[in-house]
Amino acid sequence: MDLGSVGSKLDVSDREACRPELLMDADNEEGTTRIATLLAALLKAGDVVLLDGVLASGKTFLVRKVVESLGTKDEISSPTYAIANIYQCKPCDVLHVDAYRLKNDHDFHNLGLELEVEGSICLIEWGSRVQNAFDDFLKISIELKKKKAGGRSFAIVAHGPRALELLCDFKERYQT
């Protein structure tokens, strides 16, 4: 799917027909911002989004645009050294974690962030490192497009019932 053009409308009225994955492209930052804005409108406390991609693939940019869409006045930065940042937003707080320096889900649990995860929207960069800590999450893998400077490819996969609901709602909003 190309964010620069209008795609065909998906029939997602039947939740059973909604596939748990979506592949899409963004040709530029505006396309990535659109993805973030549409996603932000659907997120609520307790939702977990895991982000993966090589260095400079756009994980922090996507997080920044999600958090800005949620109305924060906080400065948004990568929590590479702090490991976790919390942003105050209108619907609820956003917990932004950088799991790059974590080895696994045990390291994540040792941070003691369980209550924050439950009461916040949780966005985790390098999420594959800690995905075993969660039963229900949306996973977004970002790849740089080799032939398009500034372009990104997104693979979004739902793991669990709430994540599937999020993905189906996202597909519906994206296509309108």
Protein backbone atom coordinates (compact mmCIF):
# COMPACT_ATOMS: atom_id res chain seq x y z
CA MET A 1 0.00 0.00 0.00
CA ASP A 2 1.27 3.39 -0.90
CA LEU A 3 0.43 6.20 1.50
CA GLY A 4 0.84 8.71 -1.28
CA SER A 5 -2.12 7.31 -3.18
CA VAL A 6 -5.64 6.28 -2.32
CA GLY A 7 -5.85 2.51 -2.01
CA SER A 8 -8.86 0.29 -2.50
CA LYS A 9 -11.29 0.18 0.40
CA LEU A 10 -10.94 -2.83 2.68
CA ASP A 11 -14.05 -4.67 3.77
CA VAL A 12 -13.28 -5.14 7.44
CA SER A 13 -16.84 -5.00 8.73
CA ASP A 14 -16.53 -8.71 9.48
CA ARG A 15 -13.83 -8.99 12.20
CA GLU A 16 -13.36 -12.67 11.40
CA ALA A 17 -12.13 -11.71 7.92
CA CYS A 18 -9.55 -9.25 9.23
CA ARG A 19 -6.08 -10.70 8.74
CA PRO A 20 -3.64 -10.22 11.64
CA GLU A 21 -1.03 -8.52 9.44
CA LEU A 22 -0.65 -5.50 7.21
CA LEU A 23 2.17 -4.48 4.88
CA MET A 24 2.39 -0.86 3.79
CA ASP A 25 4.80 1.75 2.50
CA ALA A 26 5.36 5.39 3.35
CA ASP A 27 7.22 7.36 0.72
CA ASN A 28 8.28 10.14 3.10
CA GLU A 29 7.94 11.56 6.62
CA GLU A 30 4.43 12.76 5.82
CA GLY A 31 3.38 9.17 5.14
CA THR A 32 4.94 7.97 8.39
CA THR A 33 3.21 10.81 10.24
CA ARG A 34 -0.11 9.69 8.78
CA ILE A 35 0.47 6.14 10.05
CA ALA A 36 1.36 7.49 13.52
CA THR A 37 -1.65 9.81 13.66
CA LEU A 38 -4.11 7.09 12.65
CA LEU A 39 -2.60 4.68 15.14
CA ALA A 40 -2.60 7.24 17.98
CA ALA A 41 -6.33 7.82 17.58
CA LEU A 42 -6.97 4.14 18.33
CA LEU A 43 -4.61 3.55 21.25
CA LYS A 44 -5.75 3.42 24.86
CA ALA A 45 -4.32 2.59 28.26
CA GLY A 46 -2.93 -0.93 28.38
CA ASP A 47 -2.10 -1.11 24.67
CA VAL A 48 1.42 -2.27 23.83
CA VAL A 49 3.16 -1.50 20.53
CA LEU A 50 6.55 -3.08 19.86
CA LEU A 51 8.74 -1.39 17.25
CA ASP A 52 11.63 -2.99 15.40
CA GLY A 53 14.02 -1.80 12.71
CA VAL A 54 17.67 -1.06 12.13
CA LEU A 55 19.29 2.06 13.54
CA ALA A 56 17.78 5.20 11.97
CA SER A 57 14.83 3.29 10.49
CA GLY A 58 12.35 5.71 12.06
CA LYS A 59 11.28 4.06 15.30
CA THR A 60 11.74 7.18 17.43
CA PHE A 61 10.20 9.38 14.71
CA LEU A 62 7.08 7.18 14.70
CA VAL A 63 6.88 7.31 18.51
CA ARG A 64 7.32 11.09 18.48
CA LYS A 65 4.46 11.50 16.00
CA VAL A 66 2.17 9.15 17.98
CA VAL A 67 2.86 11.04 21.21
CA GLU A 68 2.44 14.45 19.55
CA SER A 69 -0.90 13.27 18.14
CA LEU A 70 -1.97 12.41 21.67
CA GLY A 71 -1.48 16.04 22.69
CA THR A 72 1.60 16.02 24.89
CA LYS A 73 3.43 19.19 25.80
CA ASP A 74 6.44 17.15 26.92
CA GLU A 75 9.72 17.07 25.01
CA ILE A 76 9.95 13.74 23.21
CA SER A 77 13.33 12.04 22.93
CA SER A 78 14.74 8.58 22.60
CA PRO A 79 15.18 6.95 26.02
CA THR A 80 18.36 5.17 24.92
CA TYR A 81 20.25 5.91 28.14
CA ALA A 82 17.31 6.37 30.52
CA ILE A 83 15.66 3.22 29.07
CA ALA A 84 12.16 4.63 29.74
CA ASN A 85 10.43 7.99 29.40
CA ILE A 86 6.87 8.82 30.41
CA TYR A 87 4.94 11.50 28.53
CA GLN A 88 1.77 13.08 29.83
CA CYS A 89 -0.93 13.04 27.18
CA LYS A 90 -4.64 13.85 27.09
CA PRO A 91 -6.12 10.35 27.13
CA CYS A 92 -3.45 8.75 29.36
CA ASP A 93 0.30 8.67 29.86
CA VAL A 94 2.58 7.14 27.23
CA LEU A 95 5.44 4.91 28.36
CA HIS A 96 8.28 5.01 25.81
CA VAL A 97 10.89 2.31 26.32
CA ASP A 98 14.11 1.71 24.42
CA ALA A 99 14.89 -1.99 24.90
CA TYR A 100 18.17 -1.89 22.97
CA ARG A 101 20.25 -2.43 26.12
CA LEU A 102 17.89 -5.09 27.52
CA LYS A 103 18.71 -8.71 26.82
CA ASN A 104 15.26 -10.22 27.27
CA ASP A 105 11.87 -10.06 28.98
CA HIS A 106 13.46 -10.77 32.38
CA ASP A 107 15.49 -7.56 32.09
CA PHE A 108 12.27 -5.74 31.21
CA HIS A 109 10.46 -7.16 34.25
CA ASN A 110 13.39 -6.11 36.45
CA LEU A 111 12.65 -2.48 35.51
CA GLY A 112 9.44 -2.72 37.55
CA LEU A 113 7.28 -0.99 34.94
CA GLU A 114 4.30 -3.38 35.06
CA LEU A 115 1.93 -0.82 36.61
CA GLU A 116 3.02 1.80 34.10
CA VAL A 117 2.36 -0.62 31.24
CA GLU A 118 -1.15 -1.37 32.51
CA GLY A 119 -2.10 2.30 32.95
CA SER A 120 -0.36 3.76 29.90
CA ILE A 121 0.00 3.37 26.18
CA CYS A 122 3.30 1.50 25.93
CA LEU A 123 5.60 2.04 22.92
CA ILE A 124 8.78 -0.06 22.96
CA GLU A 125 11.65 0.40 20.52
CA TRP A 126 13.68 -2.75 19.85
CA GLY A 127 10.55 -4.56 21.01
CA SER A 128 11.54 -8.05 19.84
CA ARG A 129 14.02 -8.18 22.70
CA VAL A 130 11.19 -8.10 25.25
CA GLN A 131 8.15 -9.39 23.37
CA ASN A 132 7.88 -12.48 25.58
CA ALA A 133 6.89 -10.14 28.42
CA PHE A 134 3.54 -9.50 26.70
CA ASP A 135 0.57 -11.63 25.68
CA ASP A 136 -1.22 -9.04 23.56
CA PHE A 137 0.68 -6.52 21.43
CA LEU A 138 0.94 -4.88 18.05
CA LYS A 139 4.33 -5.34 16.41
CA ILE A 140 5.54 -2.84 13.84
CA SER A 141 8.69 -3.67 11.87
CA ILE A 142 10.15 -0.76 9.91
CA GLU A 143 12.53 -1.11 6.97
CA LEU A 144 14.22 1.55 4.91
CA LYS A 145 13.19 1.54 1.26
CA LYS A 146 16.37 1.18 -0.77
CA LYS A 147 15.10 2.86 -3.91
CA LYS A 148 13.25 5.73 -2.23
CA ALA A 149 15.16 8.19 -0.03
CA GLY A 150 13.10 8.83 3.09
CA GLY A 151 10.77 5.94 2.31
CA ARG A 152 9.86 3.24 4.79
CA SER A 153 8.12 -0.13 4.62
CA PHE A 154 5.96 -1.15 7.57
CA ALA A 155 4.96 -4.69 8.54
CA ILE A 156 2.29 -4.53 11.24
CA VAL A 157 1.33 -7.79 12.96
CA ALA A 158 -1.28 -8.32 15.66
CA HIS A 159 -0.55 -10.72 18.51
CA GLY A 160 -3.65 -11.18 20.66
CA PRO A 161 -7.30 -10.09 20.59
CA ARG A 162 -6.85 -6.41 21.50
CA ALA A 163 -4.00 -6.06 18.99
CA LEU A 164 -6.19 -7.63 16.29
CA GLU A 165 -8.96 -5.15 17.11
CA LEU A 166 -6.44 -2.31 16.82
CA LEU A 167 -5.12 -3.56 13.50
CA CYS A 168 -8.59 -4.06 12.01
CA ASP A 169 -9.64 -0.56 13.12
CA PHE A 170 -6.39 0.85 11.74
CA LYS A 171 -6.97 -0.81 8.35
CA GLU A 172 -10.49 0.60 8.23
CA ARG A 173 -9.35 4.16 9.04
CA TYR A 174 -6.35 3.97 6.73
CA GLN A 175 -8.52 3.06 3.76
CA THR A 176 -11.03 5.90 4.25
